Amino acid sequence: MIMTDMLRGVNQDELNALAATIPEGYIGDVSDIAGALEYILKASYLTGQVISPNGGFVLQ
């Protein structure tokens, strides 16, 4: 989960409950995925990849 305008509309108690389900323990910020985006933009040989910025949520 990444904090976006959509999540900013959710009340804080619900955000805290959501963060508690993420192994990293917090809802990410755009700065948390900036490095991955930079890599994708620079890697000319990279095609058709899925990068899932979810703080380990899908590992559960």
PDB file of N, CA and C in Angstrom:
ATOM      1  N   MET A   1       0.837  -1.174   0.000  1.00  0.00           N
ATOM      2  CA  MET A   1       0.000   0.000   0.000  1.00  0.00           C
ATOM      3  C   MET A   1       0.887   1.244   0.000  1.00  0.00           C
ATOM      4  N   ILE A   2       0.504   2.172  -0.842  1.00  0.00           N
ATOM      5  CA  ILE A   2       1.209   3.448  -0.928  1.00  0.00           C
ATOM      6  C   ILE A   2       0.210   4.560  -0.636  1.00  0.00           C
ATOM      7  N   MET A   3       0.605   5.512   0.202  1.00  0.00           N
ATOM      8  CA  MET A   3      -0.266   6.630   0.548  1.00  0.00           C
ATOM      9  C   MET A   3      -0.468   7.509  -0.682  1.00  0.00           C
ATOM     10  N   THR A   4      -1.687   7.545  -1.138  1.00  0.00           N
ATOM     11  CA  THR A   4      -2.071   8.362  -2.287  1.00  0.00           C
ATOM     12  C   THR A   4      -3.281   9.198  -1.890  1.00  0.00           C
ATOM     13  N   ASP A   5      -3.749  10.026  -2.805  1.00  0.00           N
ATOM     14  CA  ASP A   5      -4.940  10.828  -2.524  1.00  0.00           C
ATOM     15  C   ASP A   5      -6.121   9.944  -2.126  1.00  0.00           C
ATOM     16  N   MET A   6      -6.230   8.771  -2.730  1.00  0.00           N
ATOM     17  CA  MET A   6      -7.328   7.866  -2.402  1.00  0.00           C
ATOM     18  C   MET A   6      -7.268   7.446  -0.928  1.00  0.00           C
ATOM     19  N   LEU A   7      -6.096   7.082  -0.440  1.00  0.00           N
ATOM     20  CA  LEU A   7      -5.979   6.653   0.961  1.00  0.00           C
ATOM     21  C   LEU A   7      -6.058   7.816   1.936  1.00  0.00           C
ATOM     22  N   ARG A   8      -5.714   9.010   1.500  1.00  0.00           N
ATOM     23  CA  ARG A   8      -5.793  10.167   2.397  1.00  0.00           C
ATOM     24  C   ARG A   8      -7.229  10.445   2.834  1.00  0.00           C
ATOM     25  N   GLY A   9      -8.208   9.933   2.078  1.00  0.00           N
ATOM     26  CA  GLY A   9      -9.610  10.110   2.431  1.00  0.00           C
ATOM     27  C   GLY A   9     -10.114   9.112   3.459  1.00  0.00           C
ATOM     28  N   VAL A  10      -9.280   8.159   3.844  1.00  0.00           N
ATOM     29  CA  VAL A  10      -9.666   7.123   4.808  1.00  0.00           C
ATOM     30  C   VAL A  10      -9.347   7.623   6.216  1.00  0.00           C
ATOM     31  N   ASN A  11     -10.234   7.333   7.172  1.00  0.00           N
ATOM     32  CA  ASN A  11      -9.985   7.837   8.533  1.00  0.00           C
ATOM     33  C   ASN A  11      -8.775   7.140   9.164  1.00  0.00           C
ATOM     34  N   GLN A  12      -8.178   7.794  10.125  1.00  0.00           N
ATOM     35  CA  GLN A  12      -6.909   7.347  10.708  1.00  0.00           C
ATOM     36  C   GLN A  12      -7.006   5.980  11.375  1.00  0.00           C
ATOM     37  N   ASP A  13      -8.118   5.692  12.033  1.00  0.00           N
ATOM     38  CA  ASP A  13      -8.271   4.375  12.670  1.00  0.00           C
ATOM     39  C   ASP A  13      -8.223   3.252  11.638  1.00  0.00           C
ATOM     40  N   GLU A  14      -8.872   3.466  10.496  1.00  0.00           N
ATOM     41  CA  GLU A  14      -8.850   2.462   9.437  1.00  0.00           C
ATOM     42  C   GLU A  14      -7.457   2.339   8.824  1.00  0.00           C
ATOM     43  N   LEU A  15      -6.748   3.462   8.682  1.00  0.00           N
ATOM     44  CA  LEU A  15      -5.373   3.413   8.168  1.00  0.00           C
ATOM     45  C   LEU A  15      -4.467   2.648   9.126  1.00  0.00           C
ATOM     46  N   ASN A  16      -4.639   2.876  10.421  1.00  0.00           N
ATOM     47  CA  ASN A  16      -3.839   2.157  11.419  1.00  0.00           C
ATOM     48  C   ASN A  16      -4.114   0.657  11.361  1.00  0.00           C
ATOM     49  N   ALA A  17      -5.382   0.283  11.195  1.00  0.00           N
ATOM     50  CA  ALA A  17      -5.737  -1.135  11.091  1.00  0.00           C
ATOM     51  C   ALA A  17      -5.128  -1.743   9.830  1.00  0.00           C
ATOM     52  N   LEU A  18      -5.151  -1.001   8.744  1.00  0.00           N
ATOM     53  CA  LEU A  18      -4.554  -1.474   7.499  1.00  0.00           C
ATOM     54  C   LEU A  18      -3.046  -1.640   7.657  1.00  0.00           C
ATOM     55  N   ALA A  19      -2.389  -0.659   8.250  1.00  0.00           N
ATOM     56  CA  ALA A  19      -0.939  -0.721   8.450  1.00  0.00           C
ATOM     57  C   ALA A  19      -0.550  -1.920   9.308  1.00  0.00           C
ATOM     58  N   ALA A  20      -1.402  -2.284  10.247  1.00  0.00           N
ATOM     59  CA  ALA A  20      -1.118  -3.426  11.127  1.00  0.00           C
ATOM     60  C   ALA A  20      -1.117  -4.748  10.366  1.00  0.00           C
ATOM     61  N   THR A  21      -1.726  -4.794   9.185  1.00  0.00           N
ATOM     62  CA  THR A  21      -1.758  -6.028   8.394  1.00  0.00           C
ATOM     63  C   THR A  21      -0.586  -6.138   7.426  1.00  0.00           C
ATOM     64  N   ILE A  22       0.230  -5.098   7.349  1.00  0.00           N
ATOM     65  CA  ILE A  22       1.360  -5.065   6.422  1.00  0.00           C
ATOM     66  C   ILE A  22       2.627  -5.457   7.182  1.00  0.00           C
ATOM     67  N   PRO A  23       3.371  -6.462   6.723  1.00  0.00           N
ATOM     68  CA  PRO A  23       4.571  -6.897   7.442  1.00  0.00           C
ATOM     69  C   PRO A  23       5.576  -5.776   7.739  1.00  0.00           C
ATOM     70  N   GLU A  24       5.728  -4.817   6.856  1.00  0.00           N
ATOM     71  CA  GLU A  24       6.634  -3.698   7.130  1.00  0.00           C
ATOM     72  C   GLU A  24       6.101  -2.806   8.243  1.00  0.00           C
ATOM     73  N   GLY A  25       4.796  -2.877   8.518  1.00  0.00           N
ATOM     74  CA  GLY A  25       4.209  -2.161   9.641  1.00  0.00           C
ATOM     75  C   GLY A  25       3.745  -0.749   9.359  1.00  0.00           C
ATOM     76  N   TYR A  26       3.825  -0.330   8.115  1.00  0.00           N
ATOM     77  CA  TYR A  26       3.363   1.023   7.796  1.00  0.00           C
ATOM     78  C   TYR A  26       2.903   1.092   6.348  1.00  0.00           C
ATOM     79  N   ILE A  27       2.113   2.111   6.060  1.00  0.00           N
ATOM     80  CA  ILE A  27       1.680   2.373   4.693  1.00  0.00           C
ATOM     81  C   ILE A  27       2.784   3.186   4.037  1.00  0.00           C
ATOM     82  N   GLY A  28       3.244   2.712   2.896  1.00  0.00           N
ATOM     83  CA  GLY A  28       4.369   3.351   2.226  1.00  0.00           C
ATOM     84  C   GLY A  28       4.053   4.727   1.677  1.00  0.00           C
ATOM     85  N   ASP A  29       5.106   5.441   1.391  1.00  0.00           N
ATOM     86  CA  ASP A  29       5.034   6.768   0.786  1.00  0.00           C
ATOM     87  C   ASP A  29       5.644   6.661  -0.609  1.00  0.00           C
ATOM     88  N   VAL A  30       5.362   7.621  -1.462  1.00  0.00           N
ATOM     89  CA  VAL A  30       5.919   7.564  -2.815  1.00  0.00           C
ATOM     90  C   VAL A  30       7.446   7.494  -2.791  1.00  0.00           C
ATOM     91  N   SER A  31       8.062   8.058  -1.773  1.00  0.00           N
ATOM     92  CA  SER A  31       9.529   7.997  -1.693  1.00  0.00           C
ATOM     93  C   SER A  31      10.019   6.560  -1.476  1.00  0.00           C
ATOM     94  N   ASP A  32       9.150   5.693  -0.936  1.00  0.00           N
ATOM     95  CA  ASP A  32       9.518   4.292  -0.722  1.00  0.00           C
ATOM     96  C   ASP A  32       9.640   3.512  -2.025  1.00  0.00           C
ATOM     97  N   ILE A  33       8.992   3.967  -3.074  1.00  0.00           N
ATOM     98  CA  ILE A  33       9.047   3.253  -4.351  1.00  0.00           C
ATOM     99  C   ILE A  33       9.771   4.035  -5.440  1.00  0.00           C
ATOM    100  N   ALA A  34      10.272   5.210  -5.110  1.00  0.00           N
ATOM    101  CA  ALA A  34      10.939   6.051  -6.114  1.00  0.00           C
ATOM    102  C   ALA A  34      12.137   5.343  -6.738  1.00  0.00           C
ATOM    103  N   GLY A  35      12.913   4.617  -5.956  1.00  0.00           N
ATOM    104  CA  GLY A  35      14.081   3.907  -6.480  1.00  0.00           C
ATOM    105  C   GLY A  35      13.697   2.837  -7.488  1.00  0.00           C
ATOM    106  N   ALA A  36      12.612   2.121  -7.207  1.00  0.00           N
ATOM    107  CA  ALA A  36      12.141   1.097  -8.141  1.00  0.00           C
ATOM    108  C   ALA A  36      11.682   1.729  -9.445  1.00  0.00           C
ATOM    109  N   LEU A  37      10.988   2.833  -9.351  1.00  0.00           N
ATOM    110  CA  LEU A  37      10.535   3.528 -10.551  1.00  0.00           C
ATOM    111  C   LEU A  37      11.720   4.041 -11.359  1.00  0.00           C
ATOM    112  N   GLU A  38      12.702   4.592 -10.669  1.00  0.00           N
ATOM    113  CA  GLU A  38      13.906   5.075 -11.361  1.00  0.00           C
ATOM    114  C   GLU A  38      14.593   3.925 -12.105  1.00  0.00           C
ATOM    115  N   TYR A  39      14.679   2.774 -11.464  1.00  0.00           N
ATOM    116  CA  TYR A  39      15.293   1.611 -12.105  1.00  0.00           C
ATOM    117  C   TYR A  39      14.528   1.203 -13.361  1.00  0.00           C
ATOM    118  N   ILE A  40      13.208   1.132 -13.253  1.00  0.00           N
ATOM    119  CA  ILE A  40      12.382   0.743 -14.400  1.00  0.00           C
ATOM    120  C   ILE A  40      12.586   1.707 -15.562  1.00  0.00           C
ATOM    121  N   LEU A  41      12.647   2.987 -15.262  1.00  0.00           N
ATOM    122  CA  LEU A  41      12.805   3.989 -16.315  1.00  0.00           C
ATOM    123  C   LEU A  41      14.175   3.920 -16.979  1.00  0.00           C
ATOM    124  N   LYS A  42      15.186   3.495 -16.241  1.00  0.00           N
ATOM    125  CA  LYS A  42      16.550   3.448 -16.779  1.00  0.00           C
ATOM    126  C   LYS A  42      16.902   2.110 -17.428  1.00  0.00           C
ATOM    127  N   ALA A  43      16.237   1.047 -17.045  1.00  0.00           N
ATOM    128  CA  ALA A  43      16.595  -0.298 -17.509  1.00  0.00           C
ATOM    129  C   ALA A  43      15.971  -0.567 -18.878  1.00  0.00           C
ATOM    130  N   SER A  44      16.698  -0.263 -19.924  1.00  0.00           N
ATOM    131  CA  SER A  44      16.146  -0.368 -21.279  1.00  0.00           C
ATOM    132  C   SER A  44      15.841  -1.809 -21.690  1.00  0.00           C
ATOM    133  N   TYR A  45      16.477  -2.783 -21.088  1.00  0.00           N
ATOM    134  CA  TYR A  45      16.258  -4.179 -21.465  1.00  0.00           C
ATOM    135  C   TYR A  45      15.127  -4.823 -20.663  1.00  0.00           C
ATOM    136  N   LEU A  46      14.594  -4.118 -19.712  1.00  0.00           N
ATOM    137  CA  LEU A  46      13.521  -4.621 -18.858  1.00  0.00           C
ATOM    138  C   LEU A  46      12.185  -4.468 -19.584  1.00  0.00           C
ATOM    139  N   THR A  47      11.473  -5.575 -19.740  1.00  0.00           N
ATOM    140  CA  THR A  47      10.160  -5.529 -20.393  1.00  0.00           C
ATOM    141  C   THR A  47       9.174  -6.409 -19.646  1.00  0.00           C
ATOM    142  N   GLY A  48       7.940  -5.982 -19.593  1.00  0.00           N
ATOM    143  CA  GLY A  48       6.856  -6.801 -19.066  1.00  0.00           C
ATOM    144  C   GLY A  48       6.991  -7.268 -17.634  1.00  0.00           C
ATOM    145  N   GLN A  49       7.557  -6.475 -16.768  1.00  0.00           N
ATOM    146  CA  GLN A  49       7.724  -6.869 -15.375  1.00  0.00           C
ATOM    147  C   GLN A  49       6.629  -6.262 -14.504  1.00  0.00           C
ATOM    148  N   VAL A  50       6.340  -6.941 -13.410  1.00  0.00           N
ATOM    149  CA  VAL A  50       5.395  -6.432 -12.427  1.00  0.00           C
ATOM    150  C   VAL A  50       6.166  -6.182 -11.141  1.00  0.00           C
ATOM    151  N   ILE A  51       6.127  -4.969 -10.676  1.00  0.00           N
ATOM    152  CA  ILE A  51       6.736  -4.614  -9.391  1.00  0.00           C
ATOM    153  C   ILE A  51       5.564  -4.306  -8.460  1.00  0.00           C
ATOM    154  N   SER A  52       5.462  -5.032  -7.372  1.00  0.00           N
ATOM    155  CA  SER A  52       4.324  -4.891  -6.469  1.00  0.00           C
ATOM    156  C   SER A  52       4.762  -4.229  -5.165  1.00  0.00           C
ATOM    157  N   PRO A  53       4.594  -2.919  -5.062  1.00  0.00           N
ATOM    158  CA  PRO A  53       5.011  -2.204  -3.850  1.00  0.00           C
ATOM    159  C   PRO A  53       3.966  -2.351  -2.747  1.00  0.00           C
ATOM    160  N   ASN A  54       4.100  -3.412  -1.948  1.00  0.00           N
ATOM    161  CA  ASN A  54       3.055  -3.688  -0.966  1.00  0.00           C
ATOM    162  C   ASN A  54       3.581  -3.950   0.441  1.00  0.00           C
ATOM    163  N   GLY A  55       4.845  -3.676   0.692  1.00  0.00           N
ATOM    164  CA  GLY A  55       5.384  -3.849   2.036  1.00  0.00           C
ATOM    165  C   GLY A  55       5.365  -5.275   2.553  1.00  0.00           C
ATOM    166  N   GLY A  56       5.276  -6.239   1.649  1.00  0.00           N
ATOM    167  CA  GLY A  56       5.231  -7.642   2.041  1.00  0.00           C
ATOM    168  C   GLY A  56       3.828  -8.174   2.265  1.00  0.00           C
ATOM    169  N   PHE A  57       2.815  -7.367   2.006  1.00  0.00           N
ATOM    170  CA  PHE A  57       1.425  -7.755   2.242  1.00  0.00           C
ATOM    171  C   PHE A  57       1.068  -9.057   1.538  1.00  0.00           C
ATOM    172  N   VAL A  58       1.541  -9.259   0.311  1.00  0.00           N
ATOM    173  CA  VAL A  58       1.178 -10.466  -0.440  1.00  0.00           C
ATOM    174  C   VAL A  58       1.911 -11.710   0.061  1.00  0.00           C
ATOM    175  N   LEU A  59       2.872 -11.552   0.940  1.00  0.00           N
ATOM    176  CA  LEU A  59       3.600 -12.701   1.479  1.00  0.00           C
ATOM    177  C   LEU A  59       2.813 -13.427   2.559  1.00  0.00           C
ATOM    178  N   GLN A  60       1.765 -12.831   3.031  1.00  0.00           N
ATOM    179  CA  GLN A  60       0.983 -13.423   4.122  1.00  0.00           C
ATOM    180  C   GLN A  60       0.133 -14.559   3.637  1.00  0.00           C
TER     181      GLN A  60
END
